[in-house]
Amino acid sequence: MTEQTKRVQRPDGRKARTRKALLDAGSKLFSEQGVERTTVDEIAEAAGVSVGSLYVHFGSKDSLLLQLIDQALEINEQYMQAPEATSALARVLIAGEWYLRFAMEQTVAFRFVAMRVLEPDQSSANDEVNERIAERVQRIVLRVTSDLGQAMEDGEIEKVDLSHAMVFLWGAWNGVAGLVLRQDSLAVTQEVAEAALLQGREILIKGLGGDPAQYRDLPGLPPTPPSAR
């Protein structure tokens, strides 16, 4: 490698490291103490860089937040991409297992996304952030809803109000994952959460007139998405 090449590559390497340090610091602080209570000075100090570096790389705290939101939701979507399955209902069930895996393996990302979905900031400064979250989460929900509706059309389960069924299903997945991440006596272990998800699968199928025995040998979960490692 020539000296000229080294001079060209070194700044880019420093920029990448600085950017990553700021994203890591922002993710940690936002998750621990909330977005509004976290200051630009705190992020820069935790990243070991100057405040000016944050503005150079992201322009503002909100822009850094938006980048973190995009990363978290990209990982979430990758986890929710169910593998090839034998039926629409199988894809729905596997998606639920993927969602729990996302919550367990990407704890910070899950907390971050869940926090913004459940308690969105209503200030106009964060309209773009809230819109981006709503758009990406809606895309995930619509994919699962489509498969659930197809399962009804295919006769795998009885036809019921699709929107009500999806509200219950999405709420159940988030609720189980949230229990694992609690920091009090109500928390459950990952093993308990996985068992509950399997039990809930059978209850759901039975309640909708399906045969749980047909879905007890679903394909195992694929490897963790590369970008989520």
Foldseek 3Di string as FASTA:
>chain_A
DDPVVCVVVVVVVVLVLLLVLLLVLLLVCCLPPNLVVDDLCSSCVSSVHDSVSCCVNQVDSLSSLLVLLVLLLVLLVVLQPADDWPALVLSLLSSLVSNLVSCVLVVSSLSSLVCCVVPNDPDPVNPVSNVVSVVSVVVSLVSNLVSVVRCCVVVQFPDDPSVVVSVVVVVLSSVLSVLCVDPDPSHDHSVVSVVVSLVVSCVVSVVRPHDSVVNPCIDDRDDRPPSSD
